[in-house]
Amino acid sequence: MIENQELKIIDISALEEEVSNLFSGDSRMVQISCAKIDSTLELSYSFDKDGKFQSLRVVLPSDVPNQVPSVSHIYFCAFLYENEIHDLYGVDFEGLVLDFKGNLYRTQVKTPFNLPEIRKEEAK
């Protein structure tokens, strides 16, 4: 039997408090991921406690610079995920405990996973 996994969509202003609550409750951070869906970026923060998996999700517009509070001061390991998301999607994390300043990955194209969409008519 597969257990239901909680997904809670939150506002960016609630991110640090929600993550702090999970840390205080002895949850471990599993991962932070980012996905571009149409004109939005979805940041998903996943946690585990005693085999129960839950995620927080923040939805941001993909076409404007996004300022997101870093959670690396709560979960140190988050600095790697946040630097990666910065390099690949262009999301700026405020307050990173270890900031690679856009140089975690060396990519030929800046923010390759958050490029403007190309319409079929434009591609011809």
N, C-alpha and C. Protein backbone atom coordinates (compact mmCIF):
# COMPACT_ATOMS: atom_id res chain seq x y z
N MET A 1 0.84 -1.18 0.00
CA MET A 1 0.00 0.00 0.00
C MET A 1 0.88 1.24 0.00
N ILE A 2 0.57 2.19 -0.86
CA ILE A 2 1.31 3.44 -0.92
C ILE A 2 0.58 4.47 -0.07
N GLU A 3 1.31 5.04 0.87
CA GLU A 3 0.75 6.05 1.76
C GLU A 3 0.57 7.37 1.03
N ASN A 4 -0.49 8.09 1.35
CA ASN A 4 -0.66 9.43 0.81
C ASN A 4 0.47 10.31 1.27
N GLN A 5 0.97 11.14 0.38
CA GLN A 5 2.04 12.05 0.70
C GLN A 5 1.49 13.47 0.65
N GLU A 6 1.64 14.17 1.75
CA GLU A 6 1.07 15.50 1.88
C GLU A 6 1.83 16.50 1.01
N LEU A 7 1.09 17.31 0.26
CA LEU A 7 1.64 18.42 -0.52
C LEU A 7 0.90 19.68 -0.10
N LYS A 8 1.64 20.62 0.43
CA LYS A 8 1.04 21.86 0.92
C LYS A 8 1.56 23.02 0.07
N ILE A 9 0.67 23.69 -0.64
CA ILE A 9 1.06 24.85 -1.43
C ILE A 9 1.01 26.07 -0.52
N ILE A 10 2.13 26.79 -0.46
CA ILE A 10 2.24 27.92 0.46
C ILE A 10 2.68 29.18 -0.29
N ASP A 11 2.45 30.31 0.33
CA ASP A 11 2.94 31.58 -0.18
C ASP A 11 4.41 31.73 0.19
N ILE A 12 5.15 32.44 -0.62
CA ILE A 12 6.57 32.64 -0.37
C ILE A 12 6.83 33.24 1.01
N SER A 13 5.91 34.06 1.49
CA SER A 13 6.09 34.70 2.79
C SER A 13 6.03 33.71 3.96
N ALA A 14 5.47 32.53 3.74
CA ALA A 14 5.35 31.52 4.80
C ALA A 14 6.47 30.49 4.76
N LEU A 15 7.35 30.56 3.77
CA LEU A 15 8.35 29.51 3.56
C LEU A 15 9.25 29.28 4.76
N GLU A 16 9.90 30.31 5.25
CA GLU A 16 10.85 30.12 6.36
C GLU A 16 10.17 29.58 7.61
N GLU A 17 8.98 30.07 7.92
CA GLU A 17 8.28 29.59 9.11
C GLU A 17 7.89 28.12 8.97
N GLU A 18 7.38 27.74 7.81
CA GLU A 18 6.99 26.35 7.57
C GLU A 18 8.20 25.42 7.67
N VAL A 19 9.31 25.82 7.06
CA VAL A 19 10.52 24.99 7.09
C VAL A 19 11.07 24.92 8.52
N SER A 20 11.04 26.03 9.24
CA SER A 20 11.49 26.03 10.65
C SER A 20 10.66 25.08 11.50
N ASN A 21 9.36 25.07 11.27
CA ASN A 21 8.48 24.15 12.01
C ASN A 21 8.83 22.69 11.73
N LEU A 22 9.13 22.38 10.48
CA LEU A 22 9.51 21.01 10.15
C LEU A 22 10.85 20.65 10.79
N PHE A 23 11.79 21.57 10.79
CA PHE A 23 13.08 21.35 11.44
C PHE A 23 12.91 21.11 12.93
N SER A 24 12.09 21.95 13.57
CA SER A 24 11.83 21.80 15.00
C SER A 24 11.15 20.49 15.34
N GLY A 25 10.39 19.96 14.38
CA GLY A 25 9.71 18.68 14.57
C GLY A 25 10.55 17.49 14.17
N ASP A 26 11.86 17.70 13.97
CA ASP A 26 12.81 16.63 13.64
C ASP A 26 12.60 15.99 12.27
N SER A 27 12.03 16.73 11.34
CA SER A 27 11.96 16.22 9.97
C SER A 27 13.31 16.42 9.31
N ARG A 28 13.64 15.55 8.38
CA ARG A 28 14.89 15.73 7.63
C ARG A 28 14.53 16.24 6.24
N MET A 29 15.37 17.12 5.71
CA MET A 29 15.15 17.61 4.37
C MET A 29 15.60 16.53 3.39
N VAL A 30 14.74 16.21 2.43
CA VAL A 30 15.04 15.20 1.43
C VAL A 30 15.58 15.86 0.16
N GLN A 31 14.93 16.93 -0.28
CA GLN A 31 15.36 17.61 -1.50
C GLN A 31 14.60 18.90 -1.69
N ILE A 32 15.16 19.75 -2.56
CA ILE A 32 14.45 20.91 -3.09
C ILE A 32 14.55 20.79 -4.60
N SER A 33 13.43 20.93 -5.28
CA SER A 33 13.47 20.85 -6.74
C SER A 33 12.73 22.05 -7.33
N CYS A 34 12.96 22.26 -8.60
CA CYS A 34 12.31 23.34 -9.32
C CYS A 34 11.85 22.79 -10.66
N ALA A 35 10.69 23.22 -11.10
CA ALA A 35 10.18 22.83 -12.41
C ALA A 35 9.51 24.03 -13.05
N LYS A 36 9.75 24.21 -14.34
CA LYS A 36 9.06 25.26 -15.08
C LYS A 36 7.80 24.66 -15.67
N ILE A 37 6.66 25.21 -15.28
CA ILE A 37 5.36 24.75 -15.78
C ILE A 37 4.69 25.96 -16.41
N ASP A 38 4.55 25.95 -17.71
CA ASP A 38 4.00 27.08 -18.46
C ASP A 38 4.75 28.36 -18.08
N SER A 39 4.06 29.32 -17.48
CA SER A 39 4.71 30.59 -17.14
C SER A 39 5.04 30.70 -15.65
N THR A 40 5.15 29.56 -14.98
CA THR A 40 5.48 29.57 -13.56
C THR A 40 6.68 28.68 -13.26
N LEU A 41 7.30 28.95 -12.13
CA LEU A 41 8.31 28.07 -11.56
C LEU A 41 7.73 27.49 -10.29
N GLU A 42 7.82 26.19 -10.13
CA GLU A 42 7.34 25.53 -8.91
C GLU A 42 8.54 25.05 -8.13
N LEU A 43 8.72 25.60 -6.93
CA LEU A 43 9.76 25.15 -6.01
C LEU A 43 9.12 24.17 -5.04
N SER A 44 9.64 22.96 -4.97
CA SER A 44 9.10 21.94 -4.07
C SER A 44 10.17 21.55 -3.06
N TYR A 45 9.81 21.64 -1.80
CA TYR A 45 10.69 21.31 -0.67
C TYR A 45 10.12 20.05 -0.03
N SER A 46 10.90 18.96 -0.03
CA SER A 46 10.41 17.68 0.47
C SER A 46 11.11 17.28 1.76
N PHE A 47 10.34 16.69 2.66
CA PHE A 47 10.82 16.32 4.00
C PHE A 47 10.31 14.94 4.36
N ASP A 48 11.02 14.31 5.30
CA ASP A 48 10.64 12.99 5.78
C ASP A 48 10.76 12.97 7.30
N LYS A 49 9.81 12.32 7.92
CA LYS A 49 9.91 12.03 9.35
C LYS A 49 9.26 10.68 9.60
N ASP A 50 10.05 9.76 10.12
CA ASP A 50 9.55 8.43 10.44
C ASP A 50 8.87 7.76 9.25
N GLY A 51 9.43 7.94 8.07
CA GLY A 51 8.89 7.31 6.89
C GLY A 51 7.69 8.01 6.27
N LYS A 52 7.29 9.14 6.84
CA LYS A 52 6.17 9.91 6.28
C LYS A 52 6.76 11.07 5.49
N PHE A 53 6.41 11.14 4.23
CA PHE A 53 6.95 12.11 3.30
C PHE A 53 5.96 13.24 3.14
N GLN A 54 6.45 14.49 3.18
CA GLN A 54 5.58 15.63 2.91
C GLN A 54 6.37 16.71 2.18
N SER A 55 5.65 17.51 1.41
CA SER A 55 6.29 18.55 0.61
C SER A 55 5.59 19.88 0.77
N LEU A 56 6.38 20.94 0.64
CA LEU A 56 5.88 22.30 0.56
C LEU A 56 6.13 22.76 -0.86
N ARG A 57 5.21 23.52 -1.42
CA ARG A 57 5.42 24.03 -2.78
C ARG A 57 5.12 25.53 -2.82
N VAL A 58 6.03 26.25 -3.49
CA VAL A 58 5.88 27.68 -3.73
C VAL A 58 5.82 27.86 -5.24
N VAL A 59 4.83 28.60 -5.72
CA VAL A 59 4.66 28.84 -7.16
C VAL A 59 5.00 30.30 -7.43
N LEU A 60 5.92 30.50 -8.40
CA LEU A 60 6.41 31.83 -8.74
C LEU A 60 6.26 32.07 -10.24
N PRO A 61 6.14 33.34 -10.65
CA PRO A 61 6.16 33.61 -12.09
C PRO A 61 7.56 33.35 -12.64
N SER A 62 7.65 32.77 -13.83
CA SER A 62 8.96 32.42 -14.38
C SER A 62 9.59 33.55 -15.18
N ASP A 63 8.82 34.57 -15.49
CA ASP A 63 9.32 35.61 -16.39
C ASP A 63 9.82 36.87 -15.67
N VAL A 64 9.89 36.84 -14.35
CA VAL A 64 10.41 37.99 -13.60
C VAL A 64 11.48 37.48 -12.64
N PRO A 65 12.44 38.34 -12.28
CA PRO A 65 13.42 37.90 -11.27
C PRO A 65 12.71 37.56 -9.96
N ASN A 66 13.01 36.42 -9.40
CA ASN A 66 12.35 35.98 -8.18
C ASN A 66 13.33 36.01 -7.01
N GLN A 67 12.93 36.64 -5.93
CA GLN A 67 13.70 36.67 -4.70
C GLN A 67 13.03 35.70 -3.73
N VAL A 68 13.77 34.68 -3.34
CA VAL A 68 13.25 33.65 -2.44
C VAL A 68 14.15 33.60 -1.21
N PRO A 69 13.58 33.57 -0.02
CA PRO A 69 14.44 33.45 1.16
C PRO A 69 15.12 32.08 1.20
N SER A 70 16.40 32.08 1.45
CA SER A 70 17.12 30.83 1.59
C SER A 70 16.70 30.14 2.87
N VAL A 71 16.67 28.82 2.83
CA VAL A 71 16.42 28.05 4.06
C VAL A 71 17.70 27.35 4.52
N SER A 72 18.83 27.75 3.93
CA SER A 72 20.11 27.11 4.28
C SER A 72 20.56 27.44 5.70
N HIS A 73 20.01 28.49 6.31
CA HIS A 73 20.32 28.76 7.71
C HIS A 73 19.54 27.83 8.64
N ILE A 74 18.54 27.16 8.09
CA ILE A 74 17.76 26.18 8.86
C ILE A 74 18.29 24.77 8.59
N TYR A 75 18.35 24.42 7.31
CA TYR A 75 18.94 23.15 6.87
C TYR A 75 20.16 23.52 6.03
N PHE A 76 21.36 23.34 6.57
CA PHE A 76 22.58 23.73 5.88
C PHE A 76 22.67 23.13 4.49
N CYS A 77 22.25 21.86 4.34
CA CYS A 77 22.36 21.17 3.05
C CYS A 77 21.58 21.86 1.94
N ALA A 78 20.65 22.73 2.28
CA ALA A 78 19.85 23.43 1.28
C ALA A 78 20.70 24.32 0.38
N PHE A 79 21.90 24.70 0.84
CA PHE A 79 22.73 25.60 0.02
C PHE A 79 23.05 24.98 -1.34
N LEU A 80 23.21 23.67 -1.41
CA LEU A 80 23.50 23.03 -2.70
C LEU A 80 22.30 23.10 -3.64
N TYR A 81 21.13 22.76 -3.14
CA TYR A 81 19.92 22.82 -3.96
C TYR A 81 19.66 24.24 -4.43
N GLU A 82 19.80 25.19 -3.52
CA GLU A 82 19.51 26.58 -3.86
C GLU A 82 20.50 27.15 -4.88
N ASN A 83 21.76 26.82 -4.76
CA ASN A 83 22.75 27.25 -5.75
C ASN A 83 22.45 26.62 -7.12
N GLU A 84 22.08 25.35 -7.12
CA GLU A 84 21.74 24.67 -8.37
C GLU A 84 20.53 25.33 -9.04
N ILE A 85 19.49 25.59 -8.27
CA ILE A 85 18.28 26.21 -8.82
C ILE A 85 18.59 27.62 -9.33
N HIS A 86 19.46 28.32 -8.62
CA HIS A 86 19.88 29.64 -9.09
C HIS A 86 20.53 29.54 -10.47
N ASP A 87 21.48 28.63 -10.61
CA ASP A 87 22.22 28.50 -11.86
C ASP A 87 21.35 28.01 -13.02
N LEU A 88 20.43 27.10 -12.76
CA LEU A 88 19.66 26.49 -13.83
C LEU A 88 18.34 27.20 -14.15
N TYR A 89 17.76 27.89 -13.15
CA TYR A 89 16.47 28.54 -13.35
C TYR A 89 16.50 30.05 -13.13
N GLY A 90 17.56 30.58 -12.55
CA GLY A 90 17.67 32.01 -12.34
C GLY A 90 16.97 32.55 -11.10
N VAL A 91 16.59 31.68 -10.18
CA VAL A 91 15.95 32.12 -8.94
C VAL A 91 17.04 32.62 -7.99
N ASP A 92 16.87 33.82 -7.45
CA ASP A 92 17.82 34.37 -6.48
C ASP A 92 17.38 34.03 -5.06
N PHE A 93 18.27 33.41 -4.31
CA PHE A 93 17.99 33.07 -2.92
C PHE A 93 18.70 34.07 -2.02
N GLU A 94 17.93 34.73 -1.18
CA GLU A 94 18.48 35.73 -0.26
C GLU A 94 18.96 35.06 1.01
N GLY A 95 20.20 35.36 1.42
CA GLY A 95 20.71 34.86 2.68
C GLY A 95 21.33 33.48 2.62
N LEU A 96 21.78 33.05 1.46
CA LEU A 96 22.46 31.75 1.35
C LEU A 96 23.67 31.70 2.28
N VAL A 97 23.83 30.62 3.02
CA VAL A 97 24.99 30.51 3.91
C VAL A 97 26.27 30.25 3.14
N LEU A 98 26.16 29.66 1.95
CA LEU A 98 27.31 29.44 1.08
C LEU A 98 26.84 29.70 -0.34
N ASP A 99 27.19 30.86 -0.87
CA ASP A 99 26.70 31.32 -2.17
C ASP A 99 27.80 31.18 -3.22
N PHE A 100 27.54 30.38 -4.23
CA PHE A 100 28.50 30.19 -5.32
C PHE A 100 28.38 31.29 -6.37
N LYS A 101 27.46 32.21 -6.18
CA LYS A 101 27.27 33.39 -7.04
C LYS A 101 27.15 33.03 -8.52
N GLY A 102 26.35 32.02 -8.80
CA GLY A 102 26.11 31.62 -10.18
C GLY A 102 27.18 30.75 -10.79
N ASN A 103 28.07 30.21 -9.97
CA ASN A 103 29.18 29.40 -10.49
C ASN A 103 29.22 27.98 -9.95
N LEU A 104 28.09 27.46 -9.45
CA LEU A 104 28.07 26.06 -9.04
C LEU A 104 28.20 25.19 -10.30
N TYR A 105 27.43 25.56 -11.32
CA TYR A 105 27.52 24.90 -12.62
C TYR A 105 28.05 25.91 -13.63
N ARG A 106 28.80 25.42 -14.57
CA ARG A 106 29.23 26.26 -15.68
C ARG A 106 28.45 25.81 -16.91
N THR A 107 27.50 26.61 -17.29
CA THR A 107 26.66 26.28 -18.42
C THR A 107 26.92 27.26 -19.55
N GLN A 108 26.78 26.78 -20.76
CA GLN A 108 27.00 27.64 -21.92
C GLN A 108 25.90 28.69 -22.01
N VAL A 109 24.69 28.33 -21.61
CA VAL A 109 23.54 29.22 -21.64
C VAL A 109 23.15 29.53 -20.20
N LYS A 110 22.99 30.81 -19.88
CA LYS A 110 22.58 31.19 -18.53
C LYS A 110 21.14 30.73 -18.30
N THR A 111 20.89 30.17 -17.14
CA THR A 111 19.58 29.64 -16.73
C THR A 111 18.93 28.79 -17.83
N PRO A 112 19.55 27.71 -18.23
CA PRO A 112 19.06 26.93 -19.37
C PRO A 112 17.68 26.30 -19.18
N PHE A 113 17.23 26.11 -17.95
CA PHE A 113 15.92 25.49 -17.74
C PHE A 113 14.81 26.52 -17.59
N ASN A 114 15.14 27.80 -17.73
CA ASN A 114 14.12 28.84 -17.64
C ASN A 114 14.25 29.81 -18.82
N LEU A 115 14.44 29.26 -19.99
CA LEU A 115 14.53 30.09 -21.19
C LEU A 115 13.13 30.53 -21.61
N PRO A 116 13.03 31.70 -22.25
CA PRO A 116 11.71 32.11 -22.77
C PRO A 116 11.20 31.05 -23.74
N GLU A 117 9.91 30.87 -23.72
CA GLU A 117 9.31 29.87 -24.61
C GLU A 117 9.38 30.35 -26.05
N ILE A 118 9.68 29.43 -26.95
CA ILE A 118 9.74 29.74 -28.37
C ILE A 118 8.47 29.21 -29.02
N ARG A 119 7.75 30.11 -29.66
CA ARG A 119 6.54 29.70 -30.34
C ARG A 119 6.91 29.02 -31.66
N LYS A 120 6.07 28.11 -32.10
CA LYS A 120 6.33 27.37 -33.33
C LYS A 120 6.53 28.32 -34.51
N GLU A 121 5.73 29.41 -34.56
CA GLU A 121 5.85 30.35 -35.66
C GLU A 121 7.23 31.01 -35.67
N GLU A 122 7.77 31.31 -34.48
CA GLU A 122 9.07 31.97 -34.38
C GLU A 122 10.20 31.02 -34.76
N ALA A 123 10.02 29.74 -34.56
CA ALA A 123 11.08 28.75 -34.80
C ALA A 123 11.26 28.45 -36.29
N LYS A 124 10.31 28.82 -37.12
CA LYS A 124 10.40 28.49 -38.56
C LYS A 124 11.40 29.35 -39.27
